[in-house]
Protein backbone atom coordinates (compact mmCIF):
# COMPACT_ATOMS: atom_id res chain seq x y z
CA MET A 1 10.57 -0.79 19.41
CA LEU A 2 10.26 3.35 20.56
CA ALA A 3 13.54 3.70 18.77
CA ALA A 4 12.00 2.25 15.56
CA MET A 5 8.50 3.88 16.03
CA LEU A 6 9.62 7.31 16.42
CA SER A 7 11.30 9.77 14.86
CA SER A 8 14.60 9.95 16.78
CA PHE A 9 16.91 8.48 19.43
CA GLU A 10 16.45 11.89 21.54
CA GLU A 11 12.58 11.60 21.21
CA THR A 12 12.73 8.15 22.43
CA SER A 13 14.87 9.02 25.41
CA ARG A 14 12.26 12.02 26.01
CA VAL A 15 9.40 9.38 26.51
CA PHE A 16 11.67 7.33 29.01
CA ASN A 17 12.33 10.52 30.99
CA ASP A 18 8.90 11.22 30.90
CA LYS A 19 8.24 7.88 32.71
CA GLY A 20 11.12 8.72 35.08
CA VAL A 21 13.58 6.32 33.76
CA ASN A 22 16.76 8.01 32.81
CA LEU A 23 18.05 6.50 29.38
CA GLY A 24 20.45 8.62 27.36
CA ILE A 25 20.83 8.71 23.72
CA ASN A 26 23.91 6.58 23.56
CA THR A 27 22.46 4.00 26.05
CA ILE A 28 19.25 3.69 23.53
CA ARG A 29 21.38 3.55 20.71
CA ARG A 30 23.45 0.66 21.86
CA ILE A 31 20.25 -1.20 22.85
CA ALA A 32 18.87 -0.83 19.41
CA GLN A 33 22.10 -2.09 17.78
CA ARG A 34 22.64 -4.98 19.81
CA TYR A 35 18.88 -6.28 19.71
CA ALA A 36 19.41 -6.04 15.78
CA ASN A 37 22.70 -7.58 15.64
CA ARG A 38 21.34 -11.13 17.89
CA ALA A 39 18.67 -11.02 15.62
CA LYS A 40 20.97 -11.21 12.43
CA ILE A 41 22.82 -13.70 13.95
CA ALA A 42 20.11 -15.77 14.32
CA GLN A 43 18.96 -15.26 10.82
CA ARG A 44 22.59 -16.42 9.70
CA ILE A 45 22.07 -19.65 11.62
CA GLU A 46 18.25 -19.58 10.13
CA GLN A 47 17.25 -20.11 14.14
CA CYS A 48 13.64 -19.57 14.65
CA PRO A 49 11.48 -19.94 11.34
CA PHE A 50 8.73 -18.23 10.37
CA GLY A 51 6.33 -20.72 11.18
CA GLU A 52 4.28 -19.64 7.94
CA SER A 53 3.78 -20.87 4.12
CA LEU A 54 3.22 -19.12 0.76
CA GLY A 55 1.18 -22.20 0.21
CA GLN A 56 -1.36 -21.77 -2.76
CA ARG A 57 -0.82 -18.06 -2.81
CA ARG A 58 0.07 -15.05 -5.21
CA VAL A 59 3.25 -13.72 -4.38
CA VAL A 60 4.91 -10.43 -5.51
CA VAL A 61 8.34 -9.98 -4.40
CA SER A 62 10.20 -6.49 -5.28
CA THR A 63 13.17 -4.54 -4.27
CA ASP A 64 14.60 -1.22 -4.61
CA GLY A 65 16.61 1.42 -3.07
CA GLY A 66 16.46 4.99 -0.83
CA ARG A 67 19.16 7.61 -0.19
CA ILE A 68 20.25 8.37 3.50
CA ARG A 69 23.04 10.24 4.38
CA ILE A 70 26.03 8.07 6.38
CA ARG A 71 28.86 9.87 8.97
CA LYS A 72 32.47 8.87 9.01
CA ASN A 73 34.91 10.37 11.23
CA LYS A 74 38.14 12.02 9.96
CA ARG A 75 41.44 11.30 10.89
CA GLY A 76 43.41 14.13 12.93
CA PRO A 77 42.83 16.97 15.38
CA GLY A 78 39.34 17.65 16.14
CA THR A 79 37.49 21.43 16.06
CA LYS A 80 38.67 24.31 18.53
CA LYS A 81 35.70 22.79 20.69
CA GLY A 82 36.98 19.51 20.74
CA ARG A 83 34.72 17.98 18.62
CA ARG A 84 35.35 15.18 15.67
CA ARG A 85 35.76 16.15 12.30
CA TYR A 86 33.54 14.23 9.84
CA THR A 87 32.52 13.72 6.51
CA THR A 88 28.82 12.60 4.94
CA HIS A 89 28.09 11.05 2.08
CA TRP A 90 24.64 9.88 0.59
CA ARG A 91 24.03 6.01 0.48
CA GLU A 92 21.48 3.68 -0.92
CA PRO A 93 19.83 1.22 1.79
CA LYS A 94 18.15 -1.27 -0.52
CA LEU A 95 14.92 -2.89 0.53
CA VAL A 96 13.30 -6.09 0.06
CA MET A 97 9.53 -6.43 0.45
CA ILE A 98 7.38 -9.92 0.02
CA TYR A 99 3.64 -9.82 -0.04
CA THR A 100 0.72 -11.64 -1.26
CA VAL A 101 -2.28 -10.46 -3.19
CA ASP A 102 -5.75 -11.71 -3.60
CA GLU A 103 -7.91 -12.78 -6.71
CA HIS A 104 -8.53 -9.12 -7.68
CA GLY A 105 -4.76 -8.16 -7.57
CA LYS A 106 -4.85 -6.29 -4.24
CA MET A 107 -2.49 -6.68 -1.29
CA ASP A 108 -4.07 -9.70 0.80
CA ARG A 109 -4.41 -8.03 4.41
CA ASN A 110 -4.54 -11.85 5.96
CA PHE A 111 -0.71 -11.99 5.03
CA MET A 112 1.71 -9.45 7.16
CA PRO A 113 4.34 -8.50 4.17
CA VAL A 114 8.04 -9.36 4.64
CA ILE A 115 10.37 -5.92 4.76
CA GLU A 116 13.82 -5.94 5.22
CA GLY A 117 16.76 -3.59 4.06
CA THR A 118 20.57 -3.52 4.39
CA LEU A 119 23.51 -1.03 3.13
CA LYS A 120 25.94 -3.94 2.41
CA GLY A 121 25.01 -4.18 -1.28
CA PRO A 122 23.04 -6.36 -3.93
CA ASP A 123 24.40 -9.56 -3.17
CA ALA A 124 23.59 -9.07 0.91
CA VAL A 125 20.22 -7.87 -0.52
CA PHE A 126 19.64 -11.12 -2.57
CA GLY A 127 21.02 -13.11 0.34
CA LEU A 128 18.13 -11.79 2.56
CA LEU A 129 15.76 -12.36 -0.09
CA GLY A 130 16.64 -15.81 -0.52
CA TYR A 131 16.69 -16.18 3.32
CA HIS A 132 12.97 -15.05 3.73
CA LEU A 133 11.51 -17.06 0.55
CA ARG A 134 12.97 -20.40 1.86
CA GLN A 135 11.64 -19.52 4.94
CA LEU A 136 8.37 -19.16 3.72
CA ASN A 137 8.58 -21.97 1.53
CA ILE A 138 8.07 -20.45 -1.59
CA GLY A 139 8.08 -23.59 -3.82
CA THR A 140 4.60 -24.09 -3.13
CA ALA A 141 3.22 -20.64 -3.90
CA ASP A 142 0.69 -20.68 -6.62
CA LYS A 143 2.28 -17.58 -8.91
CA ILE A 144 5.18 -15.52 -8.23
CA LEU A 145 5.91 -12.04 -9.68
CA PHE A 146 9.02 -10.14 -9.47
CA VAL A 147 8.36 -6.70 -9.80
CA ALA A 148 10.94 -4.03 -9.74
CA ASP A 149 12.18 -1.10 -12.03
CA GLY A 150 14.57 -1.57 -14.79
CA ALA A 151 17.90 -1.72 -12.64
CA ARG A 152 20.29 -4.24 -14.09
CA TRP A 153 22.17 -4.93 -10.69
CA ILE A 154 18.29 -6.34 -9.93
CA TRP A 155 17.51 -8.55 -13.19
CA LYS A 156 20.98 -10.34 -13.11
CA ARG A 157 20.44 -11.23 -9.66
CA VAL A 158 16.65 -12.40 -10.13
CA PHE A 159 17.49 -15.44 -12.69
CA GLU A 160 20.08 -16.80 -10.03
CA LEU A 161 17.80 -16.66 -7.34
CA ILE A 162 15.10 -18.43 -9.26
CA LYS A 163 17.52 -20.98 -10.16
CA SER A 164 18.79 -21.48 -6.68
CA LEU A 165 15.28 -21.89 -5.14
CA GLY A 166 14.44 -24.52 -7.64
CA LEU A 167 11.48 -22.54 -8.62
CA PRO A 168 9.46 -23.48 -12.06
CA ARG A 169 9.51 -20.86 -14.78
CA SER A 170 5.92 -21.82 -15.64
CA ASN A 171 4.68 -20.05 -12.31
CA VAL A 172 7.19 -17.41 -12.45
CA TYR A 173 6.79 -14.01 -13.88
CA GLU A 174 9.47 -10.94 -14.43
CA LEU A 175 8.33 -7.53 -14.63
CA VAL A 176 9.28 -4.07 -15.29
CA ASP A 177 7.40 -1.48 -13.20
CA PHE A 178 4.76 -0.01 -15.65
CA TYR A 179 5.17 3.41 -14.23
CA HIS A 180 8.83 3.57 -14.75
CA ALA A 181 8.56 2.53 -18.06
CA VAL A 182 6.38 5.34 -18.96
CA GLU A 183 8.99 7.73 -17.23
CA HIS A 184 11.17 6.34 -20.12
CA LEU A 185 8.53 7.18 -22.68
CA ALA A 186 8.66 10.58 -21.09
CA LYS A 187 12.46 10.85 -21.48
CA VAL A 188 12.13 9.89 -25.17
CA VAL A 189 10.34 12.59 -26.34
CA ASP A 190 12.35 15.06 -23.87
CA PHE A 191 14.84 15.05 -26.49
CA LYS A 192 12.73 15.88 -29.39
CA LYS A 193 13.04 19.63 -29.12
CA ASN A 194 11.38 20.47 -32.49
CA TRP A 195 8.19 18.56 -30.99
CA THR A 196 5.46 21.03 -29.64
CA ARG A 197 4.25 20.27 -25.79
CA SER A 198 0.98 18.60 -27.51
CA GLU A 199 2.58 16.41 -29.92
CA LYS A 200 4.86 15.06 -26.99
CA LYS A 201 2.00 14.40 -24.98
CA ARG A 202 0.11 12.66 -27.65
CA TRP A 203 3.09 10.61 -28.43
CA VAL A 204 3.60 8.92 -24.70
CA LYS A 205 -0.11 8.52 -24.37
CA LYS A 206 -0.25 6.29 -27.81
CA HIS A 207 2.46 4.52 -26.79
CA ARG A 208 1.66 4.21 -23.00
CA ARG A 209 -1.60 2.24 -24.44
CA LEU A 210 0.53 -0.14 -26.79
CA LEU A 211 2.79 -0.96 -23.83
CA LEU A 212 -0.04 -1.49 -21.42
CA LYS A 213 -1.60 -3.68 -24.18
CA GLY A 214 1.81 -5.55 -24.48
CA HIS A 215 3.09 -4.45 -27.37
CA ALA A 216 6.40 -3.43 -26.47
CA ASP A 217 8.19 -4.54 -29.82
CA LYS A 218 5.47 -1.70 -31.29
CA VAL A 219 7.23 0.81 -29.21
CA ILE A 220 10.70 -0.11 -29.92
CA SER A 221 9.94 0.28 -33.35
CA ALA A 222 8.41 3.97 -32.98
CA ILE A 223 11.13 4.92 -30.89
CA LYS A 224 13.73 3.39 -33.63
CA LEU A 225 11.92 5.72 -36.27
CA ILE A 226 12.31 8.94 -34.32
CA CYS A 227 16.14 8.06 -33.25
CA ARG A 228 17.66 10.36 -35.32
CA GLY A 229 19.49 14.15 -35.25
CA ARG A 230 21.83 15.52 -32.47
CA ASN A 231 20.27 13.49 -29.57
CA SER A 232 20.04 10.19 -31.34
CA LYS A 233 22.70 9.10 -28.91
CA SER A 234 20.70 9.58 -26.02
CA ILE A 235 17.38 8.28 -27.78
CA SER A 236 19.08 5.24 -28.44
CA ALA A 237 20.32 4.43 -24.67
CA GLU A 238 16.49 4.64 -24.15
CA ARG A 239 15.44 2.22 -26.95
CA ASN A 240 18.09 0.04 -25.36
CA TYR A 241 16.05 0.10 -22.21
CA PHE A 242 13.04 -1.21 -23.99
CA VAL A 243 14.98 -3.66 -26.00
CA ARG A 244 16.72 -5.07 -22.99
CA ASN A 245 13.50 -5.72 -20.96
CA GLN A 246 11.34 -6.18 -23.58
CA ALA A 247 10.27 -9.81 -22.41
CA ARG A 248 9.45 -8.22 -18.87
CA MET A 249 6.92 -5.85 -20.49
CA CYS A 250 4.20 -8.25 -20.90
CA TYR A 251 1.77 -6.18 -19.01
CA GLN A 252 -1.73 -7.33 -20.57
CA GLU A 253 -0.38 -11.06 -19.62
CA ILE A 254 0.28 -9.81 -16.06
CA CYS A 255 -3.11 -8.10 -15.89
CA ASP A 256 -5.08 -11.39 -16.97
CA HIS A 257 -3.63 -13.07 -14.17
CA ARG A 258 -4.71 -10.29 -11.81
CA LEU A 259 -1.27 -9.34 -10.60
CA PRO A 260 0.24 -5.99 -10.06
CA ILE A 261 1.93 -4.11 -12.77
CA GLY A 262 3.62 -1.74 -10.72
CA SER A 263 6.01 -1.43 -7.60
CA GLY A 264 4.10 0.81 -5.71
CA ALA A 265 3.68 -1.03 -2.48
CA MET A 266 7.49 -1.03 -2.67
CA GLU A 267 7.67 2.66 -2.95
CA SER A 268 5.59 3.05 -0.03
CA GLY A 269 8.01 0.73 1.99
CA ILE A 270 10.94 3.05 1.08
CA ARG A 271 8.91 5.99 2.17
CA ARG A 272 7.76 4.52 5.72
CA VAL A 273 11.03 2.80 6.58
CA VAL A 274 13.73 5.10 5.04
CA ASN A 275 12.53 8.51 4.39
CA LEU A 276 10.13 9.13 7.46
CA ARG A 277 12.91 7.69 10.13
CA MET A 278 16.59 8.18 8.37
CA LYS A 279 16.38 10.86 5.93
CA GLY A 280 15.89 14.36 6.98
CA ALA A 281 18.13 17.32 7.13
CA CYS A 282 21.16 17.26 8.94
CA GLN A 283 20.64 13.67 9.83
CA TYR A 284 23.70 11.87 9.28
CA TRP A 285 24.08 7.82 10.54
CA LEU A 286 26.87 5.84 11.66
CA GLU A 287 26.70 2.79 9.45
CA LYS A 288 26.52 0.20 12.06
CA THR A 289 23.59 1.95 13.86
CA ALA A 290 21.77 2.51 10.02
CA GLU A 291 22.13 -1.13 9.29
CA ALA A 292 20.56 -1.91 12.67
CA MET A 293 17.82 0.56 12.40
CA LEU A 294 17.27 -0.51 8.86
CA MET A 295 16.14 -4.18 10.63
CA LEU A 296 14.36 -2.47 13.26
CA ARG A 297 12.24 -0.01 11.50
CA SER A 298 11.33 -2.84 8.56
CA TYR A 299 10.11 -5.14 10.92
CA TYR A 300 8.20 -2.83 12.93
CA LYS A 301 6.67 -1.14 9.93
CA ALA A 302 5.68 -4.54 8.55
CA GLY A 303 3.93 -5.71 11.59
CA ARG A 304 6.28 -8.09 12.42
CA TRP A 305 8.08 -7.47 15.98
CA ASN A 306 7.08 -10.44 17.61
CA LEU A 307 8.97 -12.42 14.78
CA LEU A 308 11.98 -9.85 15.49
CA GLU A 309 11.65 -10.48 19.06
CA LYS A 310 12.00 -14.19 18.82
CA LEU A 311 14.99 -13.81 16.42
CA SER A 312 16.89 -11.54 19.12
CA PHE A 313 15.93 -13.64 21.90
CA SER A 314 16.17 -17.08 20.59
CA LEU A 315 17.19 -20.01 22.95
CA ALA A 316 19.84 -21.45 20.56
CA PHE A 317 21.26 -17.95 20.53
CA LEU A 318 21.09 -17.29 24.24
CA GLY A 319 22.61 -20.70 24.68
CA ASN A 320 25.73 -19.86 22.65
CA GLU A 321 25.82 -16.54 24.38
């Protein structure tokens, strides 16, 4: 828990040393990895169910990615000081988040959110999402909203997930985050070099309002009108973004159902789980350590450490061990 809570393994080691317990950084790292790995095995065999249900709740499901640097050791001789040479590359850990909202569309504080992440790619992310939704008996929910940015890897898997869970389409909604959509409006006018700053601002404000009222078709028509000149190819790419996601821009309907039109909770989760613990200057992770920390940090920040403890020390797993 300290390894997930504090800013580094070194800081965790200092806390133990201050209490007279000599635990080195590598020892703490191994313990954290083992703890998370045990929980992951229990997940795979669906050991230790949540004991909670989303029955009659209004559920919001979201996913997004962050950025961390992964360290890989190079082959061959080390440095003159005997250290291993290594490379570092940016990787995108992806998080999933499930939470509930009240009748006013505000996050329900009586239900702890579910957060978890992985580096293993989109299919693994949706595997995690399916696991958690099954554990929470998602089929009994009143309304279910999938909200995310316009990334294609998300939406092409949402349909399959809904189908595999057997959810009725009548109470399931898909929505592109409103604020990401507005960013694409701003990109459209950025290509109009002959427009003044005030003209660009007025255009974005007008079409933002139309978008919010559910008139995505009018926004698409307006973009088509200005899709000409040397930047027409770039503008048409933005137009295609709105065409592709038109059915997921029903913001007025979502507001009428008192559901959120943005993925701010997910953005906050990325910041708290990834950015404040795993992303920083000269901070590099081995992939297996990063995978473990994503799990530990996610459960800790979601307020579900007790569940992680049950997974890691489940009786069935201990018996197999």
